[in-house]
Amino acid sequence: MTLVYDRTESLLLGMLMHGSLTATVLIMTPSVTGVALLAYGLSFAAGTWPVIGLLRRQPVTAGDRRRPDAPHAPA
C-alpha cells in the first residue's frame, strides 16, 4: 500500500487496498485457534513477504509520480 501511495499519491486507492485486504483476511481466515492459527499465520506471511520483496525490487520508472522531496529507499 505504501508503494502504491508513493507512486500515485492517491489516498483513496490506498484506502480501497486496505479495505479489500482486511475483508479478504476476515473472510478467508479459517475458524481455528491455538497452534493451527499460528501455523496459518506463519504460512500466510511466508507466502506474502516473498511477493512483496519481488514487487519492491522492480525498478522505479522515469514516469512514476513520486514526489521529488520524498526520501528514496536504499537499494
PDB file of N, CA and C in Angstrom:
ATOM      1  N   MET A   1       0.817  -1.185   0.000  1.00  0.00           N
ATOM      2  CA  MET A   1       0.000   0.000   0.000  1.00  0.00           C
ATOM      3  C   MET A   1       0.865   1.254   0.000  1.00  0.00           C
ATOM      4  N   THR A   2       1.960   1.199   0.734  1.00  0.00           N
ATOM      5  CA  THR A   2       2.854   2.350   0.772  1.00  0.00           C
ATOM      6  C   THR A   2       3.484   2.586  -0.593  1.00  0.00           C
ATOM      7  N   LEU A   3       3.867   1.516  -1.257  1.00  0.00           N
ATOM      8  CA  LEU A   3       4.463   1.633  -2.587  1.00  0.00           C
ATOM      9  C   LEU A   3       3.473   2.271  -3.563  1.00  0.00           C
ATOM     10  N   VAL A   4       2.228   1.839  -3.514  1.00  0.00           N
ATOM     11  CA  VAL A   4       1.206   2.404  -4.406  1.00  0.00           C
ATOM     12  C   VAL A   4       0.984   3.877  -4.085  1.00  0.00           C
ATOM     13  N   TYR A   5       0.908   4.209  -2.790  1.00  0.00           N
ATOM     14  CA  TYR A   5       0.712   5.610  -2.424  1.00  0.00           C
ATOM     15  C   TYR A   5       1.904   6.467  -2.865  1.00  0.00           C
ATOM     16  N   ASP A   6       3.122   5.964  -2.671  1.00  0.00           N
ATOM     17  CA  ASP A   6       4.297   6.717  -3.089  1.00  0.00           C
ATOM     18  C   ASP A   6       4.288   6.997  -4.580  1.00  0.00           C
ATOM     19  N   ARG A   7       3.797   6.058  -5.341  1.00  0.00           N
ATOM     20  CA  ARG A   7       3.824   6.227  -6.802  1.00  0.00           C
ATOM     21  C   ARG A   7       2.626   6.980  -7.349  1.00  0.00           C
ATOM     22  N   THR A   8       1.476   6.913  -6.651  1.00  0.00           N
ATOM     23  CA  THR A   8       0.276   7.555  -7.182  1.00  0.00           C
ATOM     24  C   THR A   8      -0.199   8.746  -6.362  1.00  0.00           C
ATOM     25  N   GLU A   9       0.201   8.811  -5.095  1.00  0.00           N
ATOM     26  CA  GLU A   9      -0.266   9.829  -4.154  1.00  0.00           C
ATOM     27  C   GLU A   9      -1.784   9.833  -4.034  1.00  0.00           C
ATOM     28  N   SER A  10      -2.412   8.684  -4.220  1.00  0.00           N
ATOM     29  CA  SER A  10      -3.854   8.565  -4.126  1.00  0.00           C
ATOM     30  C   SER A  10      -4.231   7.910  -2.795  1.00  0.00           C
ATOM     31  N   LEU A  11      -4.787   8.716  -1.892  1.00  0.00           N
ATOM     32  CA  LEU A  11      -5.223   8.187  -0.611  1.00  0.00           C
ATOM     33  C   LEU A  11      -6.408   7.241  -0.801  1.00  0.00           C
ATOM     34  N   LEU A  12      -7.295   7.554  -1.734  1.00  0.00           N
ATOM     35  CA  LEU A  12      -8.447   6.699  -1.995  1.00  0.00           C
ATOM     36  C   LEU A  12      -8.009   5.301  -2.422  1.00  0.00           C
ATOM     37  N   LEU A  13      -7.023   5.207  -3.284  1.00  0.00           N
ATOM     38  CA  LEU A  13      -6.536   3.913  -3.730  1.00  0.00           C
ATOM     39  C   LEU A  13      -5.948   3.119  -2.561  1.00  0.00           C
ATOM     40  N   GLY A  14      -5.211   3.789  -1.696  1.00  0.00           N
ATOM     41  CA  GLY A  14      -4.676   3.128  -0.509  1.00  0.00           C
ATOM     42  C   GLY A  14      -5.773   2.632   0.412  1.00  0.00           C
ATOM     43  N   MET A  15      -6.819   3.430   0.579  1.00  0.00           N
ATOM     44  CA  MET A  15      -7.938   3.021   1.431  1.00  0.00           C
ATOM     45  C   MET A  15      -8.675   1.825   0.831  1.00  0.00           C
ATOM     46  N   LEU A  16      -8.856   1.817  -0.480  1.00  0.00           N
ATOM     47  CA  LEU A  16      -9.506   0.681  -1.132  1.00  0.00           C
ATOM     48  C   LEU A  16      -8.672  -0.588  -1.005  1.00  0.00           C
ATOM     49  N   MET A  17      -7.359  -0.460  -1.139  1.00  0.00           N
ATOM     50  CA  MET A  17      -6.485  -1.616  -0.981  1.00  0.00           C
ATOM     51  C   MET A  17      -6.548  -2.142   0.447  1.00  0.00           C
ATOM     52  N   HIS A  18      -6.534  -1.245   1.425  1.00  0.00           N
ATOM     53  CA  HIS A  18      -6.589  -1.666   2.821  1.00  0.00           C
ATOM     54  C   HIS A  18      -7.917  -2.355   3.121  1.00  0.00           C
ATOM     55  N   GLY A  19      -9.015  -1.784   2.641  1.00  0.00           N
ATOM     56  CA  GLY A  19     -10.331  -2.385   2.873  1.00  0.00           C
ATOM     57  C   GLY A  19     -10.455  -3.761   2.252  1.00  0.00           C
ATOM     58  N   SER A  20      -9.953  -3.927   1.039  1.00  0.00           N
ATOM     59  CA  SER A  20     -10.055  -5.231   0.387  1.00  0.00           C
ATOM     60  C   SER A  20      -9.164  -6.260   1.069  1.00  0.00           C
ATOM     61  N   LEU A  21      -7.983  -5.852   1.521  1.00  0.00           N
ATOM     62  CA  LEU A  21      -7.105  -6.779   2.234  1.00  0.00           C
ATOM     63  C   LEU A  21      -7.724  -7.204   3.559  1.00  0.00           C
ATOM     64  N   THR A  22      -8.264  -6.243   4.297  1.00  0.00           N
ATOM     65  CA  THR A  22      -8.881  -6.561   5.584  1.00  0.00           C
ATOM     66  C   THR A  22     -10.077  -7.489   5.400  1.00  0.00           C
ATOM     67  N   ALA A  23     -10.922  -7.196   4.427  1.00  0.00           N
ATOM     68  CA  ALA A  23     -12.085  -8.052   4.182  1.00  0.00           C
ATOM     69  C   ALA A  23     -11.656  -9.457   3.767  1.00  0.00           C
ATOM     70  N   THR A  24     -10.648  -9.553   2.925  1.00  0.00           N
ATOM     71  CA  THR A  24     -10.172 -10.863   2.484  1.00  0.00           C
ATOM     72  C   THR A  24      -9.629 -11.671   3.654  1.00  0.00           C
ATOM     73  N   VAL A  25      -8.862 -11.026   4.511  1.00  0.00           N
ATOM     74  CA  VAL A  25      -8.309 -11.731   5.669  1.00  0.00           C
ATOM     75  C   VAL A  25      -9.425 -12.199   6.582  1.00  0.00           C
ATOM     76  N   LEU A  26     -10.432 -11.365   6.811  1.00  0.00           N
ATOM     77  CA  LEU A  26     -11.542 -11.762   7.678  1.00  0.00           C
ATOM     78  C   LEU A  26     -12.355 -12.907   7.077  1.00  0.00           C
ATOM     79  N   ILE A  27     -12.542 -12.885   5.772  1.00  0.00           N
ATOM     80  CA  ILE A  27     -13.354 -13.915   5.112  1.00  0.00           C
ATOM     81  C   ILE A  27     -12.579 -15.218   4.968  1.00  0.00           C
ATOM     82  N   MET A  28     -11.302 -15.121   4.624  1.00  0.00           N
ATOM     83  CA  MET A  28     -10.532 -16.317   4.299  1.00  0.00           C
ATOM     84  C   MET A  28      -9.834 -16.982   5.491  1.00  0.00           C
ATOM     85  N   THR A  29      -9.760 -16.305   6.633  1.00  0.00           N
ATOM     86  CA  THR A  29      -9.086 -16.897   7.786  1.00  0.00           C
ATOM     87  C   THR A  29      -9.906 -18.062   8.313  1.00  0.00           C
ATOM     88  N   PRO A  30      -9.282 -19.205   8.486  1.00  0.00           N
ATOM     89  CA  PRO A  30     -10.022 -20.356   8.998  1.00  0.00           C
ATOM     90  C   PRO A  30     -10.433 -20.136  10.451  1.00  0.00           C
ATOM     91  N   SER A  31     -11.515 -20.770  10.835  1.00  0.00           N
ATOM     92  CA  SER A  31     -12.002 -20.622  12.207  1.00  0.00           C
ATOM     93  C   SER A  31     -11.319 -21.646  13.103  1.00  0.00           C
ATOM     94  N   VAL A  32     -10.048 -21.432  13.349  1.00  0.00           N
ATOM     95  CA  VAL A  32      -9.263 -22.308  14.210  1.00  0.00           C
ATOM     96  C   VAL A  32      -8.589 -21.453  15.275  1.00  0.00           C
ATOM     97  N   THR A  33      -8.084 -22.087  16.299  1.00  0.00           N
ATOM     98  CA  THR A  33      -7.387 -21.378  17.366  1.00  0.00           C
ATOM     99  C   THR A  33      -6.097 -22.110  17.697  1.00  0.00           C
ATOM    100  N   GLY A  34      -5.303 -21.485  18.514  1.00  0.00           N
ATOM    101  CA  GLY A  34      -4.102 -22.136  19.014  1.00  0.00           C
ATOM    102  C   GLY A  34      -3.021 -22.327  17.977  1.00  0.00           C
ATOM    103  N   VAL A  35      -2.419 -23.509  17.997  1.00  0.00           N
ATOM    104  CA  VAL A  35      -1.281 -23.813  17.125  1.00  0.00           C
ATOM    105  C   VAL A  35      -1.686 -23.790  15.653  1.00  0.00           C
ATOM    106  N   ALA A  36      -2.882 -24.239  15.340  1.00  0.00           N
ATOM    107  CA  ALA A  36      -3.329 -24.236  13.941  1.00  0.00           C
ATOM    108  C   ALA A  36      -3.421 -22.807  13.399  1.00  0.00           C
ATOM    109  N   LEU A  37      -3.907 -21.876  14.223  1.00  0.00           N
ATOM    110  CA  LEU A  37      -3.986 -20.480  13.796  1.00  0.00           C
ATOM    111  C   LEU A  37      -2.591 -19.891  13.636  1.00  0.00           C
ATOM    112  N   LEU A  38      -1.687 -20.238  14.535  1.00  0.00           N
ATOM    113  CA  LEU A  38      -0.304 -19.783  14.418  1.00  0.00           C
ATOM    114  C   LEU A  38       0.338 -20.312  13.130  1.00  0.00           C
ATOM    115  N   ALA A  39       0.115 -21.578  12.837  1.00  0.00           N
ATOM    116  CA  ALA A  39       0.662 -22.175  11.615  1.00  0.00           C
ATOM    117  C   ALA A  39       0.088 -21.484  10.378  1.00  0.00           C
ATOM    118  N   TYR A  40      -1.209 -21.172  10.407  1.00  0.00           N
ATOM    119  CA  TYR A  40      -1.827 -20.474   9.275  1.00  0.00           C
ATOM    120  C   TYR A  40      -1.203 -19.088   9.096  1.00  0.00           C
ATOM    121  N   GLY A  41      -1.047 -18.355  10.196  1.00  0.00           N
ATOM    122  CA  GLY A  41      -0.477 -17.017  10.120  1.00  0.00           C
ATOM    123  C   GLY A  41       0.949 -17.024   9.601  1.00  0.00           C
ATOM    124  N   LEU A  42       1.747 -17.967  10.077  1.00  0.00           N
ATOM    125  CA  LEU A  42       3.132 -18.057   9.620  1.00  0.00           C
ATOM    126  C   LEU A  42       3.222 -18.461   8.153  1.00  0.00           C
ATOM    127  N   SER A  43       2.380 -19.376   7.718  1.00  0.00           N
ATOM    128  CA  SER A  43       2.407 -19.779   6.308  1.00  0.00           C
ATOM    129  C   SER A  43       1.896 -18.656   5.407  1.00  0.00           C
ATOM    130  N   PHE A  44       0.920 -17.895   5.880  1.00  0.00           N
ATOM    131  CA  PHE A  44       0.428 -16.755   5.108  1.00  0.00           C
ATOM    132  C   PHE A  44       1.539 -15.719   4.944  1.00  0.00           C
ATOM    133  N   ALA A  45       2.249 -15.431   6.030  1.00  0.00           N
ATOM    134  CA  ALA A  45       3.349 -14.471   5.960  1.00  0.00           C
ATOM    135  C   ALA A  45       4.476 -14.997   5.078  1.00  0.00           C
ATOM    136  N   ALA A  46       4.761 -16.293   5.182  1.00  0.00           N
ATOM    137  CA  ALA A  46       5.830 -16.886   4.372  1.00  0.00           C
ATOM    138  C   ALA A  46       5.498 -16.809   2.888  1.00  0.00           C
ATOM    139  N   GLY A  47       4.231 -16.822   2.543  1.00  0.00           N
ATOM    140  CA  GLY A  47       3.837 -16.697   1.146  1.00  0.00           C
ATOM    141  C   GLY A  47       3.720 -15.260   0.678  1.00  0.00           C
ATOM    142  N   THR A  48       3.403 -14.349   1.598  1.00  0.00           N
ATOM    143  CA  THR A  48       3.179 -12.955   1.230  1.00  0.00           C
ATOM    144  C   THR A  48       4.469 -12.156   1.098  1.00  0.00           C
ATOM    145  N   TRP A  49       5.395 -12.311   2.038  1.00  0.00           N
ATOM    146  CA  TRP A  49       6.601 -11.492   2.037  1.00  0.00           C
ATOM    147  C   TRP A  49       7.487 -11.693   0.816  1.00  0.00           C
ATOM    148  N   PRO A  50       7.641 -12.899   0.283  1.00  0.00           N
ATOM    149  CA  PRO A  50       8.423 -13.011  -0.962  1.00  0.00           C
ATOM    150  C   PRO A  50       7.801 -12.240  -2.129  1.00  0.00           C
ATOM    151  N   VAL A  51       6.489 -12.233  -2.204  1.00  0.00           N
ATOM    152  CA  VAL A  51       5.810 -11.478  -3.268  1.00  0.00           C
ATOM    153  C   VAL A  51       6.081  -9.984  -3.091  1.00  0.00           C
ATOM    154  N   ILE A  52       5.992  -9.507  -1.858  1.00  0.00           N
ATOM    155  CA  ILE A  52       6.272  -8.097  -1.584  1.00  0.00           C
ATOM    156  C   ILE A  52       7.720  -7.769  -1.952  1.00  0.00           C
ATOM    157  N   GLY A  53       8.627  -8.664  -1.600  1.00  0.00           N
ATOM    158  CA  GLY A  53      10.029  -8.454  -1.935  1.00  0.00           C
ATOM    159  C   GLY A  53      10.262  -8.373  -3.430  1.00  0.00           C
ATOM    160  N   LEU A  54       9.600  -9.230  -4.183  1.00  0.00           N
ATOM    161  CA  LEU A  54       9.747  -9.193  -5.636  1.00  0.00           C
ATOM    162  C   LEU A  54       9.180  -7.912  -6.224  1.00  0.00           C
ATOM    163  N   LEU A  55       8.044  -7.476  -5.715  1.00  0.00           N
ATOM    164  CA  LEU A  55       7.451  -6.236  -6.211  1.00  0.00           C
ATOM    165  C   LEU A  55       8.315  -5.038  -5.865  1.00  0.00           C
ATOM    166  N   ARG A  56       8.914  -5.071  -4.705  1.00  0.00           N
ATOM    167  CA  ARG A  56       9.741  -3.940  -4.267  1.00  0.00           C
ATOM    168  C   ARG A  56      11.028  -3.839  -5.079  1.00  0.00           C
ATOM    169  N   ARG A  57      11.486  -4.941  -5.620  1.00  0.00           N
ATOM    170  CA  ARG A  57      12.721  -4.933  -6.401  1.00  0.00           C
ATOM    171  C   ARG A  57      12.519  -4.372  -7.803  1.00  0.00           C
ATOM    172  N   GLN A  58      11.271  -4.173  -8.215  1.00  0.00           N
ATOM    173  CA  GLN A  58      11.016  -3.619  -9.537  1.00  0.00           C
ATOM    174  C   GLN A  58      11.612  -2.218  -9.615  1.00  0.00           C
ATOM    175  N   PRO A  59      12.314  -1.895 -10.696  1.00  0.00           N
ATOM    176  CA  PRO A  59      12.907  -0.560 -10.800  1.00  0.00           C
ATOM    177  C   PRO A  59      11.835   0.515 -10.927  1.00  0.00           C
ATOM    178  N   VAL A  60      12.128   1.665 -10.369  1.00  0.00           N
ATOM    179  CA  VAL A  60      11.226   2.804 -10.472  1.00  0.00           C
ATOM    180  C   VAL A  60      11.389   3.387 -11.863  1.00  0.00           C
ATOM    181  N   THR A  61      10.283   3.542 -12.568  1.00  0.00           N
ATOM    182  CA  THR A  61      10.342   4.073 -13.933  1.00  0.00           C
ATOM    183  C   THR A  61      10.438   5.591 -13.916  1.00  0.00           C
ATOM    184  N   ALA A  62      10.870   6.144 -15.022  1.00  0.00           N
ATOM    185  CA  ALA A  62      11.016   7.596 -15.122  1.00  0.00           C
ATOM    186  C   ALA A  62       9.670   8.296 -15.049  1.00  0.00           C
ATOM    187  N   GLY A  63       8.598   7.601 -15.364  1.00  0.00           N
ATOM    188  CA  GLY A  63       7.280   8.226 -15.386  1.00  0.00           C
ATOM    189  C   GLY A  63       6.514   8.118 -14.092  1.00  0.00           C
ATOM    190  N   ASP A  64       7.117   7.606 -13.016  1.00  0.00           N
ATOM    191  CA  ASP A  64       6.335   7.498 -11.787  1.00  0.00           C
ATOM    192  C   ASP A  64       6.141   8.891 -11.185  1.00  0.00           C
ATOM    193  N   ARG A  65       5.130   9.025 -10.346  1.00  0.00           N
ATOM    194  CA  ARG A  65       4.739  10.326  -9.836  1.00  0.00           C
ATOM    195  C   ARG A  65       5.264  10.566  -8.426  1.00  0.00           C
ATOM    196  N   ARG A  66       6.364   9.967  -8.075  1.00  0.00           N
ATOM    197  CA  ARG A  66       6.922  10.146  -6.736  1.00  0.00           C
ATOM    198  C   ARG A  66       7.288  11.614  -6.539  1.00  0.00           C
ATOM    199  N   ARG A  67       6.979  12.106  -5.355  1.00  0.00           N
ATOM    200  CA  ARG A  67       7.307  13.496  -5.054  1.00  0.00           C
ATOM    201  C   ARG A  67       8.830  13.651  -5.042  1.00  0.00           C
ATOM    202  N   PRO A  68       9.342  14.720  -5.638  1.00  0.00           N
ATOM    203  CA  PRO A  68      10.792  14.910  -5.684  1.00  0.00           C
ATOM    204  C   PRO A  68      11.411  15.079  -4.298  1.00  0.00           C
ATOM    205  N   ASP A  69      10.640  15.573  -3.326  1.00  0.00           N
ATOM    206  CA  ASP A  69      11.188  15.783  -1.991  1.00  0.00           C
ATOM    207  C   ASP A  69      11.051  14.556  -1.108  1.00  0.00           C
ATOM    208  N   ALA A  70      10.420  13.492  -1.596  1.00  0.00           N
ATOM    209  CA  ALA A  70      10.251  12.271  -0.800  1.00  0.00           C
ATOM    210  C   ALA A  70      11.570  11.527  -0.701  1.00  0.00           C
ATOM    211  N   PRO A  71      11.865  10.995   0.491  1.00  0.00           N
ATOM    212  CA  PRO A  71      13.116  10.241   0.619  1.00  0.00           C
ATOM    213  C   PRO A  71      13.041   8.946  -0.171  1.00  0.00           C
ATOM    214  N   HIS A  72      14.132   8.570  -0.775  1.00  0.00           N
ATOM    215  CA  HIS A  72      14.180   7.356  -1.562  1.00  0.00           C
ATOM    216  C   HIS A  72      14.692   6.228  -0.695  1.00  0.00           C
ATOM    217  N   ALA A  73      14.100   5.055  -0.871  1.00  0.00           N
ATOM    218  CA  ALA A  73      14.526   3.876  -0.122  1.00  0.00           C
ATOM    219  C   ALA A  73      15.892   3.436  -0.616  1.00  0.00           C
ATOM    220  N   PRO A  74      16.737   2.980   0.286  1.00  0.00           N
ATOM    221  CA  PRO A  74      18.042   2.480  -0.168  1.00  0.00           C
ATOM    222  C   PRO A  74      17.886   1.241  -1.028  1.00  0.00           C
ATOM    223  N   ALA A  75      18.743   1.110  -1.990  1.00  0.00           N
ATOM    224  CA  ALA A  75      18.654  -0.020  -2.930  1.00  0.00           C
ATOM    225  C   ALA A  75      19.191  -1.279  -2.326  1.00  0.00           C
TER     226      ALA A  75
END
